[in-house]
Full PDB file with SEQRES, HELIX, SHEET, SSBOND, CRYST1, ORIGX, SCALE, CONECT and MASTER records, all heavy atoms in Angstrom:
SEQRES   1 A   43  LEU ASP THR ASP ALA THR ASN GLY LEU GLN MET VAL ILE          
SEQRES   2 A   43  ASP ALA CYS SER VAL ALA TRP THR GLU GLY GLY THR ALA          
SEQRES   3 A   43  PRO ALA TYR THR TYR THR CYS THR GLY THR THR SER LEU          
SEQRES   4 A   43  VAL VAL ALA ALA                                              
SHEET    1 AA1 2 ILE A  13  CYS A  16  0                                        
SHEET    2 AA1 2 THR A  37  VAL A  41 -1                                        
SHEET    1 AA2 2 THR A  21  THR A  25  0                                        
SHEET    2 AA2 2 ALA A  28  THR A  32 -1                                        
SSBOND   1 CYS A   16    CYS A   33                          1555   1555  1.93  
CRYST1    1.000    1.000    1.000  90.00  90.00  90.00 P 1           1          
ORIGX1      1.000000  0.000000  0.000000        0.00000                         
ORIGX2      0.000000  1.000000  0.000000        0.00000                         
ORIGX3      0.000000  0.000000  1.000000        0.00000                         
SCALE1      1.000000  0.000000  0.000000        0.00000                         
SCALE2      0.000000  1.000000  0.000000        0.00000                         
SCALE3      0.000000  0.000000  1.000000        0.00000                         
ATOM      1  N   LEU A   1       2.686 -39.777  22.609  1.00  0.00           N  
ATOM      2  CA  LEU A   1       2.020 -38.470  22.727  1.00  0.00           C  
ATOM      3  C   LEU A   1       3.034 -37.329  22.797  1.00  0.00           C  
ATOM      4  O   LEU A   1       2.745 -36.212  22.354  1.00  0.00           O  
ATOM      5  CB  LEU A   1       1.125 -38.437  23.966  1.00  0.00           C  
ATOM      6  CG  LEU A   1      -0.145 -39.295  23.926  1.00  0.00           C  
ATOM      7  CD1 LEU A   1      -0.841 -39.275  25.275  1.00  0.00           C  
ATOM      8  CD2 LEU A   1      -1.087 -38.807  22.829  1.00  0.00           C  
ATOM      9  N   ASP A   2       4.215 -37.598  23.358  1.00  0.00           N  
ATOM     10  CA  ASP A   2       5.230 -36.546  23.440  1.00  0.00           C  
ATOM     11  C   ASP A   2       6.418 -36.786  22.509  1.00  0.00           C  
ATOM     12  O   ASP A   2       7.130 -35.848  22.172  1.00  0.00           O  
ATOM     13  CB  ASP A   2       5.728 -36.381  24.884  1.00  0.00           C  
ATOM     14  CG  ASP A   2       6.411 -37.628  25.410  1.00  0.00           C  
ATOM     15  OD1 ASP A   2       7.612 -37.813  25.169  1.00  0.00           O  
ATOM     16  OD2 ASP A   2       5.729 -38.420  26.102  1.00  0.00           O  
ATOM     17  N   THR A   3       6.634 -38.027  22.059  1.00  0.00           N  
ATOM     18  CA  THR A   3       7.790 -38.291  21.189  1.00  0.00           C  
ATOM     19  C   THR A   3       7.475 -38.085  19.711  1.00  0.00           C  
ATOM     20  O   THR A   3       8.392 -37.825  18.921  1.00  0.00           O  
ATOM     21  CB  THR A   3       8.310 -39.717  21.395  1.00  0.00           C  
ATOM     22  OG1 THR A   3       7.271 -40.667  21.088  1.00  0.00           O  
ATOM     23  CG2 THR A   3       8.773 -39.921  22.841  1.00  0.00           C  
ATOM     24  N   ASP A   4       6.217 -38.167  19.321  1.00  0.00           N  
ATOM     25  CA  ASP A   4       5.831 -37.928  17.923  1.00  0.00           C  
ATOM     26  C   ASP A   4       5.620 -36.430  17.742  1.00  0.00           C  
ATOM     27  O   ASP A   4       4.582 -35.879  18.117  1.00  0.00           O  
ATOM     28  CB  ASP A   4       4.552 -38.700  17.587  1.00  0.00           C  
ATOM     29  CG  ASP A   4       4.208 -38.654  16.097  1.00  0.00           C  
ATOM     30  OD1 ASP A   4       4.601 -37.677  15.419  1.00  0.00           O  
ATOM     31  OD2 ASP A   4       3.539 -39.578  15.608  1.00  0.00           O  
ATOM     32  N   ALA A   5       6.636 -35.763  17.182  1.00  0.00           N  
ATOM     33  CA  ALA A   5       6.601 -34.301  17.083  1.00  0.00           C  
ATOM     34  C   ALA A   5       5.558 -33.803  16.098  1.00  0.00           C  
ATOM     35  O   ALA A   5       5.156 -32.638  16.162  1.00  0.00           O  
ATOM     36  CB  ALA A   5       7.974 -33.770  16.686  1.00  0.00           C  
ATOM     37  N   THR A   6       5.093 -34.677  15.198  1.00  0.00           N  
ATOM     38  CA  THR A   6       4.116 -34.257  14.177  1.00  0.00           C  
ATOM     39  C   THR A   6       2.688 -34.582  14.581  1.00  0.00           C  
ATOM     40  O   THR A   6       1.791 -33.730  14.524  1.00  0.00           O  
ATOM     41  CB  THR A   6       4.439 -34.920  12.828  1.00  0.00           C  
ATOM     42  OG1 THR A   6       5.758 -34.554  12.428  1.00  0.00           O  
ATOM     43  CG2 THR A   6       3.438 -34.492  11.758  1.00  0.00           C  
ATOM     44  N   ASN A   7       2.454 -35.813  14.985  1.00  0.00           N  
ATOM     45  CA  ASN A   7       1.098 -36.251  15.305  1.00  0.00           C  
ATOM     46  C   ASN A   7       0.820 -36.306  16.805  1.00  0.00           C  
ATOM     47  O   ASN A   7      -0.312 -36.557  17.212  1.00  0.00           O  
ATOM     48  CB  ASN A   7       0.838 -37.629  14.692  1.00  0.00           C  
ATOM     49  CG  ASN A   7       0.944 -37.606  13.183  1.00  0.00           C  
ATOM     50  OD1 ASN A   7       0.285 -36.811  12.517  1.00  0.00           O  
ATOM     51  ND2 ASN A   7       1.798 -38.474  12.619  1.00  0.00           N  
ATOM     52  N   GLY A   8       1.870 -36.073  17.620  1.00  0.00           N  
ATOM     53  CA  GLY A   8       1.673 -36.029  19.059  1.00  0.00           C  
ATOM     54  C   GLY A   8       1.147 -34.673  19.510  1.00  0.00           C  
ATOM     55  O   GLY A   8       0.772 -33.818  18.690  1.00  0.00           O  
ATOM     56  N   LEU A   9       1.125 -34.475  20.800  1.00  0.00           N  
ATOM     57  CA  LEU A   9       0.547 -33.254  21.369  1.00  0.00           C  
ATOM     58  C   LEU A   9       1.269 -32.000  20.885  1.00  0.00           C  
ATOM     59  O   LEU A   9       2.496 -31.939  20.855  1.00  0.00           O  
ATOM     60  CB  LEU A   9       0.602 -33.315  22.892  1.00  0.00           C  
ATOM     61  CG  LEU A   9      -0.300 -34.358  23.561  1.00  0.00           C  
ATOM     62  CD1 LEU A   9       0.052 -34.486  25.036  1.00  0.00           C  
ATOM     63  CD2 LEU A   9      -1.776 -33.999  23.384  1.00  0.00           C  
ATOM     64  N   GLN A  10       0.480 -30.989  20.536  1.00  0.00           N  
ATOM     65  CA  GLN A  10       0.989 -29.676  20.130  1.00  0.00           C  
ATOM     66  C   GLN A  10       0.550 -28.656  21.177  1.00  0.00           C  
ATOM     67  O   GLN A  10      -0.534 -28.757  21.745  1.00  0.00           O  
ATOM     68  CB  GLN A  10       0.449 -29.287  18.753  1.00  0.00           C  
ATOM     69  CG  GLN A  10       0.738 -30.319  17.668  1.00  0.00           C  
ATOM     70  CD  GLN A  10       2.217 -30.486  17.396  1.00  0.00           C  
ATOM     71  OE1 GLN A  10       2.920 -29.508  17.104  1.00  0.00           O  
ATOM     72  NE2 GLN A  10       2.714 -31.721  17.496  1.00  0.00           N  
ATOM     73  N   MET A  11       1.388 -27.679  21.415  1.00  0.00           N  
ATOM     74  CA  MET A  11       1.129 -26.704  22.484  1.00  0.00           C  
ATOM     75  C   MET A  11       1.088 -25.283  21.938  1.00  0.00           C  
ATOM     76  O   MET A  11       1.916 -24.903  21.099  1.00  0.00           O  
ATOM     77  CB  MET A  11       2.232 -26.811  23.550  1.00  0.00           C  
ATOM     78  CG  MET A  11       2.124 -25.792  24.684  1.00  0.00           C  
ATOM     79  SD  MET A  11       3.381 -26.055  25.984  1.00  0.00           S  
ATOM     80  CE  MET A  11       4.896 -25.698  25.060  1.00  0.00           C  
ATOM     81  N   VAL A  12       0.141 -24.509  22.453  1.00  0.00           N  
ATOM     82  CA  VAL A  12       0.061 -23.070  22.203  1.00  0.00           C  
ATOM     83  C   VAL A  12      -0.151 -22.391  23.545  1.00  0.00           C  
ATOM     84  O   VAL A  12      -0.927 -22.877  24.385  1.00  0.00           O  
ATOM     85  CB  VAL A  12      -1.099 -22.716  21.248  1.00  0.00           C  
ATOM     86  CG1 VAL A  12      -1.257 -21.204  21.138  1.00  0.00           C  
ATOM     87  CG2 VAL A  12      -0.876 -23.329  19.873  1.00  0.00           C  
ATOM     88  N   ILE A  13       0.519 -21.269  23.760  1.00  0.00           N  
ATOM     89  CA  ILE A  13       0.317 -20.504  24.990  1.00  0.00           C  
ATOM     90  C   ILE A  13      -0.054 -19.078  24.625  1.00  0.00           C  
ATOM     91  O   ILE A  13       0.610 -18.441  23.800  1.00  0.00           O  
ATOM     92  CB  ILE A  13       1.586 -20.488  25.867  1.00  0.00           C  
ATOM     93  CG1 ILE A  13       2.011 -21.909  26.228  1.00  0.00           C  
ATOM     94  CG2 ILE A  13       1.338 -19.669  27.142  1.00  0.00           C  
ATOM     95  CD1 ILE A  13       3.285 -21.976  27.051  1.00  0.00           C  
ATOM     96  N   ASP A  14      -1.138 -18.592  25.215  1.00  0.00           N  
ATOM     97  CA  ASP A  14      -1.504 -17.188  25.052  1.00  0.00           C  
ATOM     98  C   ASP A  14      -1.788 -16.590  26.419  1.00  0.00           C  
ATOM     99  O   ASP A  14      -1.871 -17.296  27.425  1.00  0.00           O  
ATOM    100  CB  ASP A  14      -2.671 -16.985  24.082  1.00  0.00           C  
ATOM    101  CG  ASP A  14      -3.874 -17.856  24.403  1.00  0.00           C  
ATOM    102  OD1 ASP A  14      -3.858 -18.551  25.431  1.00  0.00           O  
ATOM    103  OD2 ASP A  14      -4.844 -17.833  23.628  1.00  0.00           O  
ATOM    104  N   ALA A  15      -1.890 -15.275  26.461  1.00  0.00           N  
ATOM    105  CA  ALA A  15      -2.089 -14.568  27.726  1.00  0.00           C  
ATOM    106  C   ALA A  15      -3.282 -13.641  27.609  1.00  0.00           C  
ATOM    107  O   ALA A  15      -3.607 -13.134  26.526  1.00  0.00           O  
ATOM    108  CB  ALA A  15      -0.852 -13.763  28.092  1.00  0.00           C  
ATOM    109  N   CYS A  16      -3.950 -13.424  28.737  1.00  0.00           N  
ATOM    110  CA  CYS A  16      -5.056 -12.473  28.821  1.00  0.00           C  
ATOM    111  C   CYS A  16      -4.620 -11.334  29.741  1.00  0.00           C  
ATOM    112  O   CYS A  16      -3.911 -11.549  30.732  1.00  0.00           O  
ATOM    113  CB  CYS A  16      -6.301 -13.160  29.373  1.00  0.00           C  
ATOM    114  SG  CYS A  16      -7.766 -12.080  29.458  1.00  0.00           S  
ATOM    115  N   SER A  17      -5.023 -10.124  29.396  1.00  0.00           N  
ATOM    116  CA  SER A  17      -4.629  -8.957  30.197  1.00  0.00           C  
ATOM    117  C   SER A  17      -5.284  -8.956  31.573  1.00  0.00           C  
ATOM    118  O   SER A  17      -4.847  -8.218  32.471  1.00  0.00           O  
ATOM    119  CB  SER A  17      -4.980  -7.666  29.450  1.00  0.00           C  
ATOM    120  OG  SER A  17      -6.367  -7.632  29.154  1.00  0.00           O  
ATOM    121  N   VAL A  18      -6.333  -9.766  31.745  1.00  0.00           N  
ATOM    122  CA  VAL A  18      -6.978  -9.955  33.049  1.00  0.00           C  
ATOM    123  C   VAL A  18      -7.079 -11.455  33.297  1.00  0.00           C  
ATOM    124  O   VAL A  18      -6.747 -12.260  32.421  1.00  0.00           O  
ATOM    125  CB  VAL A  18      -8.385  -9.309  33.091  1.00  0.00           C  
ATOM    126  CG1 VAL A  18      -8.291  -7.801  32.922  1.00  0.00           C  
ATOM    127  CG2 VAL A  18      -9.294  -9.919  32.022  1.00  0.00           C  
ATOM    128  N   ALA A  19      -7.488 -11.842  34.481  1.00  0.00           N  
ATOM    129  CA  ALA A  19      -7.611 -13.271  34.774  1.00  0.00           C  
ATOM    130  C   ALA A  19      -8.618 -13.921  33.825  1.00  0.00           C  
ATOM    131  O   ALA A  19      -9.667 -13.347  33.491  1.00  0.00           O  
ATOM    132  CB  ALA A  19      -8.040 -13.465  36.217  1.00  0.00           C  
ATOM    133  N   TRP A  20      -8.285 -15.117  33.358  1.00  0.00           N  
ATOM    134  CA  TRP A  20      -9.174 -15.851  32.469  1.00  0.00           C  
ATOM    135  C   TRP A  20     -10.471 -16.209  33.189  1.00  0.00           C  
ATOM    136  O   TRP A  20     -10.473 -16.498  34.387  1.00  0.00           O  
ATOM    137  CB  TRP A  20      -8.500 -17.132  31.990  1.00  0.00           C  
ATOM    138  CG  TRP A  20      -7.336 -16.910  31.058  1.00  0.00           C  
ATOM    139  CD1 TRP A  20      -6.030 -16.752  31.408  1.00  0.00           C  
ATOM    140  CD2 TRP A  20      -7.397 -16.819  29.638  1.00  0.00           C  
ATOM    141  NE1 TRP A  20      -5.264 -16.560  30.294  1.00  0.00           N  
ATOM    142  CE2 TRP A  20      -6.072 -16.603  29.187  1.00  0.00           C  
ATOM    143  CE3 TRP A  20      -8.423 -16.897  28.697  1.00  0.00           C  
ATOM    144  CZ2 TRP A  20      -5.734 -16.467  27.843  1.00  0.00           C  
ATOM    145  CZ3 TRP A  20      -8.104 -16.767  27.357  1.00  0.00           C  
ATOM    146  CH2 TRP A  20      -6.783 -16.545  26.931  1.00  0.00           C  
ATOM    147  N   THR A  21     -11.566 -16.211  32.448  1.00  0.00           N  
ATOM    148  CA  THR A  21     -12.852 -16.637  32.994  1.00  0.00           C  
ATOM    149  C   THR A  21     -12.992 -18.135  32.754  1.00  0.00           C  
ATOM    150  O   THR A  21     -12.952 -18.600  31.609  1.00  0.00           O  
ATOM    151  CB  THR A  21     -14.016 -15.898  32.329  1.00  0.00           C  
ATOM    152  OG1 THR A  21     -13.868 -14.481  32.564  1.00  0.00           O  
ATOM    153  CG2 THR A  21     -15.353 -16.361  32.897  1.00  0.00           C  
ATOM    154  N   GLU A  22     -13.129 -18.872  33.844  1.00  0.00           N  
ATOM    155  CA  GLU A  22     -13.151 -20.336  33.760  1.00  0.00           C  
ATOM    156  C   GLU A  22     -14.566 -20.848  33.541  1.00  0.00           C  
ATOM    157  O   GLU A  22     -15.518 -20.409  34.184  1.00  0.00           O  
ATOM    158  CB  GLU A  22     -12.555 -20.924  35.041  1.00  0.00           C  
ATOM    159  CG  GLU A  22     -12.356 -22.429  35.018  1.00  0.00           C  
ATOM    160  CD  GLU A  22     -11.629 -22.918  36.249  1.00  0.00           C  
ATOM    161  OE1 GLU A  22     -12.301 -23.115  37.293  1.00  0.00           O  
ATOM    162  OE2 GLU A  22     -10.385 -23.080  36.187  1.00  0.00           O  
ATOM    163  N   GLY A  23     -14.692 -21.797  32.623  1.00  0.00           N  
ATOM    164  CA  GLY A  23     -15.970 -22.446  32.364  1.00  0.00           C  
ATOM    165  C   GLY A  23     -15.756 -23.943  32.233  1.00  0.00           C  
ATOM    166  O   GLY A  23     -14.670 -24.463  32.480  1.00  0.00           O  
ATOM    167  N   GLY A  24     -16.797 -24.638  31.814  1.00  0.00           N  
ATOM    168  CA  GLY A  24     -16.693 -26.080  31.654  1.00  0.00           C  
ATOM    169  C   GLY A  24     -16.840 -26.802  32.975  1.00  0.00           C  
ATOM    170  O   GLY A  24     -17.007 -26.201  34.044  1.00  0.00           O  
ATOM    171  N   THR A  25     -16.751 -28.110  32.906  1.00  0.00           N  
ATOM    172  CA  THR A  25     -16.857 -28.963  34.082  1.00  0.00           C  
ATOM    173  C   THR A  25     -15.530 -29.663  34.304  1.00  0.00           C  
ATOM    174  O   THR A  25     -14.984 -30.275  33.377  1.00  0.00           O  
ATOM    175  CB  THR A  25     -17.975 -30.008  33.895  1.00  0.00           C  
ATOM    176  OG1 THR A  25     -19.215 -29.335  33.636  1.00  0.00           O  
ATOM    177  CG2 THR A  25     -18.124 -30.876  35.135  1.00  0.00           C  
ATOM    178  N   ALA A  26     -15.001 -29.560  35.513  1.00  0.00           N  
ATOM    179  CA  ALA A  26     -13.700 -30.169  35.816  1.00  0.00           C  
ATOM    180  C   ALA A  26     -13.702 -31.660  35.459  1.00  0.00           C  
ATOM    181  O   ALA A  26     -14.686 -32.350  35.721  1.00  0.00           O  
ATOM    182  CB  ALA A  26     -13.380 -29.982  37.287  1.00  0.00           C  
ATOM    183  N   PRO A  27     -12.621 -32.146  34.833  1.00  0.00           N  
ATOM    184  CA  PRO A  27     -11.414 -31.395  34.486  1.00  0.00           C  
ATOM    185  C   PRO A  27     -11.453 -30.775  33.085  1.00  0.00           C  
ATOM    186  O   PRO A  27     -10.433 -30.245  32.643  1.00  0.00           O  
ATOM    187  CB  PRO A  27     -10.343 -32.475  34.549  1.00  0.00           C  
ATOM    188  CG  PRO A  27     -11.043 -33.697  34.066  1.00  0.00           C  
ATOM    189  CD  PRO A  27     -12.450 -33.591  34.584  1.00  0.00           C  
ATOM    190  N   ALA A  28     -12.607 -30.837  32.431  1.00  0.00           N  
ATOM    191  CA  ALA A  28     -12.702 -30.326  31.055  1.00  0.00           C  
ATOM    192  C   ALA A  28     -12.969 -28.822  31.072  1.00  0.00           C  
ATOM    193  O   ALA A  28     -14.024 -28.334  30.657  1.00  0.00           O  
ATOM    194  CB  ALA A  28     -13.805 -31.061  30.297  1.00  0.00           C  
ATOM    195  N   TYR A  29     -11.972 -28.063  31.540  1.00  0.00           N  
ATOM    196  CA  TYR A  29     -12.127 -26.620  31.657  1.00  0.00           C  
ATOM    197  C   TYR A  29     -12.070 -25.954  30.286  1.00  0.00           C  
ATOM    198  O   TYR A  29     -11.411 -26.409  29.359  1.00  0.00           O  
ATOM    199  CB  TYR A  29     -11.009 -26.035  32.526  1.00  0.00           C  
ATOM    200  CG  TYR A  29     -11.008 -26.536  33.952  1.00  0.00           C  
ATOM    201  CD1 TYR A  29      -9.988 -27.391  34.400  1.00  0.00           C  
ATOM    202  CD2 TYR A  29     -11.985 -26.153  34.867  1.00  0.00           C  
ATOM    203  CE1 TYR A  29      -9.969 -27.835  35.712  1.00  0.00           C  
ATOM    204  CE2 TYR A  29     -11.957 -26.595  36.172  1.00  0.00           C  
ATOM    205  CZ  TYR A  29     -10.948 -27.440  36.586  1.00  0.00           C  
ATOM    206  OH  TYR A  29     -10.934 -27.889  37.890  1.00  0.00           O  
ATOM    207  N   THR A  30     -12.782 -24.823  30.192  1.00  0.00           N  
ATOM    208  CA  THR A  30     -12.653 -23.925  29.042  1.00  0.00           C  
ATOM    209  C   THR A  30     -12.416 -22.517  29.592  1.00  0.00           C  
ATOM    210  O   THR A  30     -12.806 -22.202  30.727  1.00  0.00           O  
ATOM    211  CB  THR A  30     -13.915 -23.927  28.171  1.00  0.00           C  
ATOM    212  OG1 THR A  30     -15.036 -23.504  28.968  1.00  0.00           O  
ATOM    213  CG2 THR A  30     -14.179 -25.321  27.595  1.00  0.00           C  
ATOM    214  N   TYR A  31     -11.788 -21.662  28.781  1.00  0.00           N  
ATOM    215  CA  TYR A  31     -11.430 -20.338  29.271  1.00  0.00           C  
ATOM    216  C   TYR A  31     -11.694 -19.281  28.206  1.00  0.00           C  
ATOM    217  O   TYR A  31     -11.411 -19.475  27.025  1.00  0.00           O  
ATOM    218  CB  TYR A  31      -9.956 -20.308  29.678  1.00  0.00           C  
ATOM    219  CG  TYR A  31      -9.668 -21.204  30.852  1.00  0.00           C  
ATOM    220  CD1 TYR A  31      -9.249 -22.520  30.654  1.00  0.00           C  
ATOM    221  CD2 TYR A  31      -9.854 -20.764  32.157  1.00  0.00           C  
ATOM    222  CE1 TYR A  31      -9.005 -23.353  31.733  1.00  0.00           C  
ATOM    223  CE2 TYR A  31      -9.618 -21.598  33.235  1.00  0.00           C  
ATOM    224  CZ  TYR A  31      -9.189 -22.894  33.021  1.00  0.00           C  
ATOM    225  OH  TYR A  31      -8.968 -23.726  34.092  1.00  0.00           O  
ATOM    226  N   THR A  32     -12.230 -18.168  28.657  1.00  0.00           N  
ATOM    227  CA  THR A  32     -12.436 -17.012  27.789  1.00  0.00           C  
ATOM    228  C   THR A  32     -11.781 -15.791  28.429  1.00  0.00           C  
ATOM    229  O   THR A  32     -11.633 -15.706  29.653  1.00  0.00           O  
ATOM    230  CB  THR A  32     -13.934 -16.738  27.571  1.00  0.00           C  
ATOM    231  OG1 THR A  32     -14.582 -16.586  28.847  1.00  0.00           O  
ATOM    232  CG2 THR A  32     -14.590 -17.880  26.798  1.00  0.00           C  
ATOM    233  N   CYS A  33     -11.397 -14.848  27.574  1.00  0.00           N  
ATOM    234  CA  CYS A  33     -10.715 -13.637  28.032  1.00  0.00           C  
ATOM    235  C   CYS A  33     -11.629 -12.442  27.825  1.00  0.00           C  
ATOM    236  O   CYS A  33     -12.102 -12.184  26.713  1.00  0.00           O  
ATOM    237  CB  CYS A  33      -9.410 -13.451  27.257  1.00  0.00           C  
ATOM    238  SG  CYS A  33      -8.516 -11.938  27.682  1.00  0.00           S  
ATOM    239  N   THR A  34     -11.896 -11.699  28.892  1.00  0.00           N  
ATOM    240  CA  THR A  34     -12.716 -10.501  28.790  1.00  0.00           C  
ATOM    241  C   THR A  34     -11.862  -9.255  28.559  1.00  0.00           C  
ATOM    242  O   THR A  34     -12.394  -8.159  28.454  1.00  0.00           O  
ATOM    243  CB  THR A  34     -13.559 -10.311  30.066  1.00  0.00           C  
ATOM    244  OG1 THR A  34     -12.679 -10.221  31.194  1.00  0.00           O  
ATOM    245  CG2 THR A  34     -14.519 -11.480  30.253  1.00  0.00           C  
ATOM    246  N   GLY A  35     -10.558  -9.458  28.485  1.00  0.00           N  
ATOM    247  CA  GLY A  35      -9.650  -8.353  28.210  1.00  0.00           C  
ATOM    248  C   GLY A  35      -9.032  -8.518  26.834  1.00  0.00           C  
ATOM    249  O   GLY A  35      -9.716  -8.823  25.861  1.00  0.00           O  
ATOM    250  N   THR A  36      -7.719  -8.337  26.772  1.00  0.00           N  
ATOM    251  CA  THR A  36      -6.986  -8.434  25.515  1.00  0.00           C  
ATOM    252  C   THR A  36      -6.073  -9.660  25.556  1.00  0.00           C  
ATOM    253  O   THR A  36      -5.386  -9.899  26.558  1.00  0.00           O  
ATOM    254  CB  THR A  36      -6.118  -7.176  25.304  1.00  0.00           C  
ATOM    255  OG1 THR A  36      -6.973  -6.029  25.316  1.00  0.00           O  
ATOM    256  CG2 THR A  36      -5.372  -7.244  23.987  1.00  0.00           C  
ATOM    257  N   THR A  37      -6.073 -10.428  24.463  1.00  0.00           N  
ATOM    258  CA  THR A  37      -5.219 -11.609  24.394  1.00  0.00           C  
ATOM    259  C   THR A  37      -3.952 -11.303  23.578  1.00  0.00           C  
ATOM    260  O   THR A  37      -3.955 -10.441  22.700  1.00  0.00           O  
ATOM    261  CB  THR A  37      -5.943 -12.807  23.760  1.00  0.00           C  
ATOM    262  OG1 THR A  37      -6.349 -12.465  22.435  1.00  0.00           O  
ATOM    263  CG2 THR A  37      -7.153 -13.208  24.590  1.00  0.00           C  
ATOM    264  N   SER A  38      -2.868 -12.019  23.900  1.00  0.00           N  
ATOM    265  CA  SER A  38      -1.620 -11.906  23.158  1.00  0.00           C  
ATOM    266  C   SER A  38      -0.963 -13.273  23.092  1.00  0.00           C  
ATOM    267  O   SER A  38      -1.113 -14.102  23.999  1.00  0.00           O  
ATOM    268  CB  SER A  38      -0.682 -10.888  23.811  1.00  0.00           C  
ATOM    269  OG  SER A  38      -0.463 -11.207  25.175  1.00  0.00           O  
ATOM    270  N   LEU A  39      -0.236 -13.511  22.011  1.00  0.00           N  
ATOM    271  CA  LEU A  39       0.409 -14.806  21.800  1.00  0.00           C  
ATOM    272  C   LEU A  39       1.725 -14.846  22.570  1.00  0.00           C  
ATOM    273  O   LEU A  39       2.568 -13.945  22.457  1.00  0.00           O  
ATOM    274  CB  LEU A  39       0.656 -15.031  20.313  1.00  0.00           C  
ATOM    275  CG  LEU A  39       1.247 -16.389  19.928  1.00  0.00           C  
ATOM    276  CD1 LEU A  39       0.278 -17.513  20.268  1.00  0.00           C  
ATOM    277  CD2 LEU A  39       1.604 -16.415  18.445  1.00  0.00           C  
ATOM    278  N   VAL A  40       1.904 -15.896  23.335  1.00  0.00           N  
ATOM    279  CA  VAL A  40       3.116 -16.067  24.138  1.00  0.00           C  
ATOM    280  C   VAL A  40       4.037 -17.111  23.511  1.00  0.00           C  
ATOM    281  O   VAL A  40       5.245 -16.905  23.404  1.00  0.00           O  
ATOM    282  CB  VAL A  40       2.755 -16.456  25.589  1.00  0.00           C  
ATOM    283  CG1 VAL A  40       4.009 -16.735  26.422  1.00  0.00           C  
ATOM    284  CG2 VAL A  40       1.930 -15.344  26.248  1.00  0.00           C  
ATOM    285  N   VAL A  41       3.482 -18.239  23.094  1.00  0.00           N  
ATOM    286  CA  VAL A  41       4.232 -19.277  22.380  1.00  0.00           C  
ATOM    287  C   VAL A  41       3.363 -19.773  21.237  1.00  0.00           C  
ATOM    288  O   VAL A  41       2.237 -20.223  21.460  1.00  0.00           O  
ATOM    289  CB  VAL A  41       4.612 -20.461  23.296  1.00  0.00           C  
ATOM    290  CG1 VAL A  41       5.273 -21.584  22.482  1.00  0.00           C  
ATOM    291  CG2 VAL A  41       5.542 -20.005  24.414  1.00  0.00           C  
ATOM    292  N   ALA A  42       3.867 -19.692  20.014  1.00  0.00           N  
ATOM    293  CA  ALA A  42       3.134 -20.193  18.846  1.00  0.00           C  
ATOM    294  C   ALA A  42       3.145 -21.723  18.866  1.00  0.00           C  
ATOM    295  O   ALA A  42       3.908 -22.354  19.608  1.00  0.00           O  
ATOM    296  CB  ALA A  42       3.783 -19.671  17.564  1.00  0.00           C  
ATOM    297  N   ALA A  43       2.280 -22.329  18.045  1.00  0.00           N  
ATOM    298  CA  ALA A  43       2.124 -23.782  18.015  1.00  0.00           C  
ATOM    299  C   ALA A  43       3.472 -24.474  17.860  1.00  0.00           C  
ATOM    300  O   ALA A  43       4.266 -24.164  16.983  1.00  0.00           O  
ATOM    301  CB  ALA A  43       1.192 -24.167  16.878  1.00  0.00           C  
TER     302      ALA A  43                                                      
CONECT  114  238                                                                
CONECT  238  114                                                                
MASTER        0    0    0    0    4    0    0    6  301    1    2    4          
END                                                                             
């Protein structure tokens, strides 16, 4: 999952100008931004 750089896990990080709104059922959280989003780390 971490050693296969192509088919293993890929990461993206973004930021919201306000706290993210949490949804979903733990641990399957989902998040939406009611403010402005910006890219912090591309895939």
